[in-house]
Amino acid sequence: MISKTPMLKPFVLATLTALAGTAQAGLTTYSSQASFLAAVTSPGVDTFTGLSITGSTPSPITRTAGSYSYTAAVSTTSFFGAGTTADPWLSTNTATDSITFNGFSGGVSAIGGLFFGSNISGLFAAGDVTLTVTDSLGATLTQTITGATTSSFLGFTSTGTITSLVLSSVQPASGFLWPTTDNLTLAIATPVPEAETYALLLSGLGVLGLVARRRRTS
């Protein structure tokens, strides 16, 4: 009796390798930083070191996150540094302004960070913030972080490339809330096989397994 199992394993491995480059067009959202980092490669982080927290910074600005460069712009006025000298944050000078991140280099297809609100003094303030991401395939996705804190993470991956990310704050019934971010992360998304492809693979493997069993008994 000659077993065919050793021939089946290399075929399965080759099939899985081929499917690794297949992905479904669209945007994926991650609320867990660990899950986001597991879905990307070559992440770069901008901790906003060197950003002034005592005055305004003209808009737009060009910054880097690891090996990637990008542009950040405020909708009407300027930036204002928030946080502390040891841990600076990027925020706006006007509460109702939004921050647009774009002009990414290096084929960035994943973006994430910590997103929350701050008060007029540049200190953390509880509230809601909204993010809208757009990719090169024309897909747009809007997510709101309710009750955001300084550890609230949100990330996005695309099967194309990231075109822009817009951050704004939801103004409370009384007072004002400034949109704020820290640890902006840019990366390359790892392709994920489509659900239909998984189903076809499993179906094919079932048939191959049956053939292998029959050959062992013949």
C-alpha atoms as a PDB file:
ATOM      1  CA  MET A   1       0.000   0.000   0.000  1.00  0.00           C
ATOM      2  CA  ILE A   2       1.336   3.446  -0.956  1.00  0.00           C
ATOM      3  CA  SER A   3       0.063   6.504   0.948  1.00  0.00           C
ATOM      4  CA  LYS A   4      -0.587   9.736  -1.011  1.00  0.00           C
ATOM      5  CA  THR A   5      -0.713  11.990   2.064  1.00  0.00           C
ATOM      6  CA  PRO A   6       2.824  13.409   1.606  1.00  0.00           C
ATOM      7  CA  MET A   7       1.758  14.620  -1.872  1.00  0.00           C
ATOM      8  CA  LEU A   8      -1.318  16.348  -0.462  1.00  0.00           C
ATOM      9  CA  LYS A   9       0.555  18.515   2.067  1.00  0.00           C
ATOM     10  CA  PRO A  10       2.748  20.388  -0.452  1.00  0.00           C
ATOM     11  CA  PHE A  11      -0.360  21.082  -2.563  1.00  0.00           C
ATOM     12  CA  VAL A  12      -2.210  22.531   0.427  1.00  0.00           C
ATOM     13  CA  LEU A  13       0.789  24.697   1.315  1.00  0.00           C
ATOM     14  CA  ALA A  14       1.081  25.978  -2.247  1.00  0.00           C
ATOM     15  CA  THR A  15      -2.640  26.755  -2.352  1.00  0.00           C
ATOM     16  CA  LEU A  16      -2.533  28.680   0.912  1.00  0.00           C
ATOM     17  CA  THR A  17       0.496  30.623  -0.280  1.00  0.00           C
ATOM     18  CA  ALA A  18      -1.277  31.609  -3.488  1.00  0.00           C
ATOM     19  CA  LEU A  19      -4.383  32.720  -1.603  1.00  0.00           C
ATOM     20  CA  ALA A  20      -2.378  34.906   0.780  1.00  0.00           C
ATOM     21  CA  GLY A  21      -2.292  37.664  -1.840  1.00  0.00           C
ATOM     22  CA  THR A  22      -6.071  37.668  -2.410  1.00  0.00           C
ATOM     23  CA  ALA A  23      -8.169  40.265  -0.598  1.00  0.00           C
ATOM     24  CA  GLN A  24     -11.622  41.764  -0.650  1.00  0.00           C
ATOM     25  CA  ALA A  25     -11.785  45.387  -1.788  1.00  0.00           C
ATOM     26  CA  GLY A  26     -12.771  47.807   0.976  1.00  0.00           C
ATOM     27  CA  LEU A  27     -11.881  49.248   4.362  1.00  0.00           C
ATOM     28  CA  THR A  28     -11.600  47.365   7.659  1.00  0.00           C
ATOM     29  CA  THR A  29     -11.885  48.967  11.090  1.00  0.00           C
ATOM     30  CA  TYR A  30      -9.934  47.971  14.205  1.00  0.00           C
ATOM     31  CA  SER A  31     -10.781  49.166  17.719  1.00  0.00           C
ATOM     32  CA  SER A  32      -7.970  47.074  19.203  1.00  0.00           C
ATOM     33  CA  GLN A  33      -4.417  48.279  18.726  1.00  0.00           C
ATOM     34  CA  ALA A  34      -3.097  44.736  19.069  1.00  0.00           C
ATOM     35  CA  SER A  35      -5.425  43.461  16.336  1.00  0.00           C
ATOM     36  CA  PHE A  36      -4.491  46.370  14.077  1.00  0.00           C
ATOM     37  CA  LEU A  37      -0.760  45.763  14.495  1.00  0.00           C
ATOM     38  CA  ALA A  38      -1.290  42.049  13.796  1.00  0.00           C
ATOM     39  CA  ALA A  39      -2.927  42.967  10.482  1.00  0.00           C
ATOM     40  CA  VAL A  40      -0.143  45.260   9.205  1.00  0.00           C
ATOM     41  CA  THR A  41       3.574  45.281   8.459  1.00  0.00           C
ATOM     42  CA  SER A  42       6.300  47.900   8.833  1.00  0.00           C
ATOM     43  CA  PRO A  43       4.388  50.242  11.186  1.00  0.00           C
ATOM     44  CA  GLY A  44       5.763  53.720  11.840  1.00  0.00           C
ATOM     45  CA  VAL A  45       4.593  55.950  14.714  1.00  0.00           C
ATOM     46  CA  ASP A  46       4.521  59.729  15.093  1.00  0.00           C
ATOM     47  CA  THR A  47       4.543  60.580  18.805  1.00  0.00           C
ATOM     48  CA  PHE A  48       4.497  64.304  17.943  1.00  0.00           C
ATOM     49  CA  THR A  49       7.813  64.864  19.653  1.00  0.00           C
ATOM     50  CA  GLY A  50       8.987  68.433  19.213  1.00  0.00           C
ATOM     51  CA  LEU A  51       5.494  69.847  18.789  1.00  0.00           C
ATOM     52  CA  SER A  52       4.986  73.062  20.761  1.00  0.00           C
ATOM     53  CA  ILE A  53       2.434  72.767  23.552  1.00  0.00           C
ATOM     54  CA  THR A  54       2.600  76.425  24.517  1.00  0.00           C
ATOM     55  CA  GLY A  55       1.396  78.083  21.329  1.00  0.00           C
ATOM     56  CA  SER A  56      -0.103  77.666  17.893  1.00  0.00           C
ATOM     57  CA  THR A  57       1.553  75.941  14.931  1.00  0.00           C
ATOM     58  CA  PRO A  58       0.733  77.113  11.383  1.00  0.00           C
ATOM     59  CA  SER A  59      -1.175  74.695   9.153  1.00  0.00           C
ATOM     60  CA  PRO A  60      -0.420  72.594   7.158  1.00  0.00           C
ATOM     61  CA  ILE A  61       2.533  70.689   8.588  1.00  0.00           C
ATOM     62  CA  THR A  62       4.582  67.828   7.154  1.00  0.00           C
ATOM     63  CA  ARG A  63       5.670  65.129   9.567  1.00  0.00           C
ATOM     64  CA  THR A  64       7.001  61.588   9.578  1.00  0.00           C
ATOM     65  CA  ALA A  65       5.888  58.314  11.160  1.00  0.00           C
ATOM     66  CA  GLY A  66       8.800  55.939  10.892  1.00  0.00           C
ATOM     67  CA  SER A  67       9.796  55.755   7.227  1.00  0.00           C
ATOM     68  CA  TYR A  68       6.540  57.370   6.045  1.00  0.00           C
ATOM     69  CA  SER A  69       5.861  61.069   5.559  1.00  0.00           C
ATOM     70  CA  TYR A  70       2.461  62.748   5.606  1.00  0.00           C
ATOM     71  CA  THR A  71       0.715  66.107   5.739  1.00  0.00           C
ATOM     72  CA  ALA A  72      -1.693  67.311   8.410  1.00  0.00           C
ATOM     73  CA  ALA A  73      -3.942  70.328   7.921  1.00  0.00           C
ATOM     74  CA  VAL A  74      -6.527  72.173  10.008  1.00  0.00           C
ATOM     75  CA  SER A  75      -9.771  73.163   8.298  1.00  0.00           C
ATOM     76  CA  THR A  76      -9.710  76.909   9.119  1.00  0.00           C
ATOM     77  CA  THR A  77      -7.072  78.118  11.572  1.00  0.00           C
ATOM     78  CA  SER A  78      -3.971  76.462  13.041  1.00  0.00           C
ATOM     79  CA  PHE A  79      -2.754  73.643  15.249  1.00  0.00           C
ATOM     80  CA  PHE A  80      -2.289  73.942  18.988  1.00  0.00           C
ATOM     81  CA  GLY A  81      -0.145  71.547  20.956  1.00  0.00           C
ATOM     82  CA  ALA A  82      -1.847  69.730  23.802  1.00  0.00           C
ATOM     83  CA  GLY A  83      -0.707  67.230  26.421  1.00  0.00           C
ATOM     84  CA  THR A  84       2.633  67.643  28.155  1.00  0.00           C
ATOM     85  CA  THR A  85       6.243  68.196  27.171  1.00  0.00           C
ATOM     86  CA  ALA A  86       6.934  64.525  27.861  1.00  0.00           C
ATOM     87  CA  ASP A  87       3.841  63.392  25.926  1.00  0.00           C
ATOM     88  CA  PRO A  88       2.719  66.010  23.373  1.00  0.00           C
ATOM     89  CA  TRP A  89      -0.521  65.633  21.427  1.00  0.00           C
ATOM     90  CA  LEU A  90      -1.668  67.167  18.163  1.00  0.00           C
ATOM     91  CA  SER A  91      -4.799  69.310  18.419  1.00  0.00           C
ATOM     92  CA  THR A  92      -6.466  72.332  16.864  1.00  0.00           C
ATOM     93  CA  ASN A  93      -6.570  75.982  17.902  1.00  0.00           C
ATOM     94  CA  THR A  94     -10.332  76.095  17.263  1.00  0.00           C
ATOM     95  CA  ALA A  95     -12.607  73.454  18.762  1.00  0.00           C
ATOM     96  CA  THR A  96     -14.863  73.185  15.719  1.00  0.00           C
ATOM     97  CA  ASP A  97     -11.963  72.662  13.306  1.00  0.00           C
ATOM     98  CA  SER A  98     -11.102  69.232  11.912  1.00  0.00           C
ATOM     99  CA  ILE A  99      -7.675  67.740  11.206  1.00  0.00           C
ATOM    100  CA  THR A 100      -7.062  66.132   7.815  1.00  0.00           C
ATOM    101  CA  PHE A 101      -4.188  63.682   7.390  1.00  0.00           C
ATOM    102  CA  ASN A 102      -3.171  63.005   3.782  1.00  0.00           C
ATOM    103  CA  GLY A 103      -0.252  63.088   1.343  1.00  0.00           C
ATOM    104  CA  PHE A 104       1.051  59.751   2.605  1.00  0.00           C
ATOM    105  CA  SER A 105       4.274  58.382   1.147  1.00  0.00           C
ATOM    106  CA  GLY A 106       5.362  54.775   0.703  1.00  0.00           C
ATOM    107  CA  GLY A 107       2.024  53.273  -0.337  1.00  0.00           C
ATOM    108  CA  VAL A 108       0.429  53.551   3.120  1.00  0.00           C
ATOM    109  CA  SER A 109      -2.603  51.261   3.295  1.00  0.00           C
ATOM    110  CA  ALA A 110      -3.172  51.294   7.062  1.00  0.00           C
ATOM    111  CA  ILE A 111      -3.609  54.144   9.531  1.00  0.00           C
ATOM    112  CA  GLY A 112      -4.465  54.252  13.205  1.00  0.00           C
ATOM    113  CA  GLY A 113      -3.830  56.083  16.439  1.00  0.00           C
ATOM    114  CA  LEU A 114      -5.180  57.298  19.732  1.00  0.00           C
ATOM    115  CA  PHE A 115      -8.057  59.737  19.203  1.00  0.00           C
ATOM    116  CA  PHE A 116      -9.837  61.728  21.907  1.00  0.00           C
ATOM    117  CA  GLY A 117     -10.769  65.253  23.033  1.00  0.00           C
ATOM    118  CA  SER A 118      -9.034  68.006  24.982  1.00  0.00           C
ATOM    119  CA  ASN A 119     -10.094  71.270  26.630  1.00  0.00           C
ATOM    120  CA  ILE A 120      -9.044  74.886  26.102  1.00  0.00           C
ATOM    121  CA  SER A 121      -5.949  74.300  28.257  1.00  0.00           C
ATOM    122  CA  GLY A 122      -4.814  71.352  26.153  1.00  0.00           C
ATOM    123  CA  LEU A 123      -5.674  68.813  28.834  1.00  0.00           C
ATOM    124  CA  PHE A 124      -7.748  65.674  28.307  1.00  0.00           C
ATOM    125  CA  ALA A 125     -11.499  66.187  28.232  1.00  0.00           C
ATOM    126  CA  ALA A 126     -14.105  63.439  27.987  1.00  0.00           C
ATOM    127  CA  GLY A 127     -16.299  63.422  24.902  1.00  0.00           C
ATOM    128  CA  ASP A 128     -16.906  61.932  21.468  1.00  0.00           C
ATOM    129  CA  VAL A 129     -14.728  62.201  18.365  1.00  0.00           C
ATOM    130  CA  THR A 130     -15.447  61.203  14.762  1.00  0.00           C
ATOM    131  CA  LEU A 131     -13.085  59.862  12.114  1.00  0.00           C
ATOM    132  CA  THR A 132     -13.684  59.545   8.378  1.00  0.00           C
ATOM    133  CA  VAL A 133     -11.250  57.551   6.253  1.00  0.00           C
ATOM    134  CA  THR A 134     -11.099  57.427   2.460  1.00  0.00           C
ATOM    135  CA  ASP A 135      -9.022  55.125   0.278  1.00  0.00           C
ATOM    136  CA  SER A 136      -7.790  55.038  -3.319  1.00  0.00           C
ATOM    137  CA  LEU A 137     -10.623  52.688  -4.317  1.00  0.00           C
ATOM    138  CA  GLY A 138     -13.205  55.341  -3.470  1.00  0.00           C
ATOM    139  CA  ALA A 139     -14.388  53.686  -0.246  1.00  0.00           C
ATOM    140  CA  THR A 140     -15.269  55.963   2.685  1.00  0.00           C
ATOM    141  CA  LEU A 141     -15.963  54.913   6.254  1.00  0.00           C
ATOM    142  CA  THR A 142     -16.994  57.044   9.257  1.00  0.00           C
ATOM    143  CA  GLN A 143     -16.634  55.914  12.860  1.00  0.00           C
ATOM    144  CA  THR A 144     -17.417  57.731  16.120  1.00  0.00           C
ATOM    145  CA  ILE A 145     -15.609  56.949  19.360  1.00  0.00           C
ATOM    146  CA  THR A 146     -18.111  57.530  22.157  1.00  0.00           C
ATOM    147  CA  GLY A 147     -16.637  58.635  25.470  1.00  0.00           C
ATOM    148  CA  ALA A 148     -13.101  58.634  24.050  1.00  0.00           C
ATOM    149  CA  THR A 149     -10.162  58.488  26.446  1.00  0.00           C
ATOM    150  CA  THR A 150      -6.430  58.961  25.899  1.00  0.00           C
ATOM    151  CA  SER A 151      -6.163  55.209  25.292  1.00  0.00           C
ATOM    152  CA  SER A 152      -8.993  55.008  22.740  1.00  0.00           C
ATOM    153  CA  PHE A 153      -7.533  53.403  19.623  1.00  0.00           C
ATOM    154  CA  LEU A 154      -9.036  53.252  16.166  1.00  0.00           C
ATOM    155  CA  GLY A 155      -7.352  51.937  13.048  1.00  0.00           C
ATOM    156  CA  PHE A 156      -8.203  51.281   9.411  1.00  0.00           C
ATOM    157  CA  THR A 157      -6.750  49.092   6.681  1.00  0.00           C
ATOM    158  CA  SER A 158      -7.458  49.216   2.964  1.00  0.00           C
ATOM    159  CA  THR A 159      -6.969  46.856   0.063  1.00  0.00           C
ATOM    160  CA  GLY A 160      -5.959  49.970  -1.860  1.00  0.00           C
ATOM    161  CA  THR A 161      -4.042  52.834  -0.258  1.00  0.00           C
ATOM    162  CA  ILE A 162      -5.183  55.363   2.322  1.00  0.00           C
ATOM    163  CA  THR A 163      -6.032  58.731   0.763  1.00  0.00           C
ATOM    164  CA  SER A 164      -7.094  60.709   3.822  1.00  0.00           C
ATOM    165  CA  LEU A 165      -8.213  60.544   7.436  1.00  0.00           C
ATOM    166  CA  VAL A 166     -10.284  63.348   8.960  1.00  0.00           C
ATOM    167  CA  LEU A 167     -10.599  63.797  12.737  1.00  0.00           C
ATOM    168  CA  SER A 168     -13.218  66.034  14.334  1.00  0.00           C
ATOM    169  CA  SER A 169     -14.828  66.357  17.738  1.00  0.00           C
ATOM    170  CA  VAL A 170     -18.512  66.164  18.571  1.00  0.00           C
ATOM    171  CA  GLN A 171     -19.321  69.390  20.383  1.00  0.00           C
ATOM    172  CA  PRO A 172     -21.039  68.835  23.747  1.00  0.00           C
ATOM    173  CA  ALA A 173     -24.293  70.515  24.781  1.00  0.00           C
ATOM    174  CA  SER A 174     -22.295  72.962  26.883  1.00  0.00           C
ATOM    175  CA  GLY A 175     -18.676  74.000  26.492  1.00  0.00           C
ATOM    176  CA  PHE A 176     -16.288  72.951  23.735  1.00  0.00           C
ATOM    177  CA  LEU A 177     -14.210  69.897  22.832  1.00  0.00           C
ATOM    178  CA  TRP A 178     -11.024  70.033  20.738  1.00  0.00           C
ATOM    179  CA  PRO A 179     -10.120  67.070  18.441  1.00  0.00           C
ATOM    180  CA  THR A 180      -6.843  65.533  19.601  1.00  0.00           C
ATOM    181  CA  THR A 181      -4.583  62.667  18.579  1.00  0.00           C
ATOM    182  CA  ASP A 182      -1.463  60.874  19.774  1.00  0.00           C
ATOM    183  CA  ASN A 183       0.745  58.087  18.414  1.00  0.00           C
ATOM    184  CA  LEU A 184      -0.439  58.307  14.817  1.00  0.00           C
ATOM    185  CA  THR A 185       0.523  55.017  13.156  1.00  0.00           C
ATOM    186  CA  LEU A 186       1.071  54.417   9.432  1.00  0.00           C
ATOM    187  CA  ALA A 187       1.720  50.982   7.941  1.00  0.00           C
ATOM    188  CA  ILE A 188       1.147  48.543   5.099  1.00  0.00           C
ATOM    189  CA  ALA A 189      -1.914  46.296   5.389  1.00  0.00           C
ATOM    190  CA  THR A 190      -1.375  42.558   5.118  1.00  0.00           C
ATOM    191  CA  PRO A 191      -3.663  41.059   2.415  1.00  0.00           C
ATOM    192  CA  VAL A 192      -6.435  38.839   3.780  1.00  0.00           C
ATOM    193  CA  PRO A 193      -8.150  36.071   1.706  1.00  0.00           C
ATOM    194  CA  GLU A 194     -11.829  36.569   0.888  1.00  0.00           C
ATOM    195  CA  ALA A 195     -14.456  34.525   2.724  1.00  0.00           C
ATOM    196  CA  GLU A 196     -15.492  32.940  -0.580  1.00  0.00           C
ATOM    197  CA  THR A 197     -11.910  31.901  -1.206  1.00  0.00           C
ATOM    198  CA  TYR A 198     -11.744  30.218   2.204  1.00  0.00           C
ATOM    199  CA  ALA A 199     -14.938  28.303   1.395  1.00  0.00           C
ATOM    200  CA  LEU A 200     -13.578  27.128  -1.944  1.00  0.00           C
ATOM    201  CA  LEU A 201     -10.315  26.125  -0.309  1.00  0.00           C
ATOM    202  CA  LEU A 202     -12.043  24.111   2.404  1.00  0.00           C
ATOM    203  CA  SER A 203     -14.321  22.467  -0.162  1.00  0.00           C
ATOM    204  CA  GLY A 204     -11.348  21.561  -2.337  1.00  0.00           C
ATOM    205  CA  LEU A 205      -9.390  20.204   0.590  1.00  0.00           C
ATOM    206  CA  GLY A 206     -12.371  18.044   1.544  1.00  0.00           C
ATOM    207  CA  VAL A 207     -12.436  16.494  -1.920  1.00  0.00           C
ATOM    208  CA  LEU A 208      -8.674  16.001  -1.894  1.00  0.00           C
ATOM    209  CA  GLY A 209      -8.883  14.391   1.517  1.00  0.00           C
ATOM    210  CA  LEU A 210     -11.529  11.975   0.246  1.00  0.00           C
ATOM    211  CA  VAL A 211      -9.403  11.120  -2.798  1.00  0.00           C
ATOM    212  CA  ALA A 212      -6.388  10.567  -0.567  1.00  0.00           C
ATOM    213  CA  ARG A 213      -8.365   8.235   1.682  1.00  0.00           C
ATOM    214  CA  ARG A 214      -9.658   6.273  -1.294  1.00  0.00           C
ATOM    215  CA  ARG A 215      -6.186   5.918  -2.742  1.00  0.00           C
ATOM    216  CA  ARG A 216      -4.858   4.577   0.533  1.00  0.00           C
ATOM    217  CA  THR A 217      -7.557   1.882   0.551  1.00  0.00           C
ATOM    218  CA  SER A 218      -7.201   0.897  -3.105  1.00  0.00           C
END
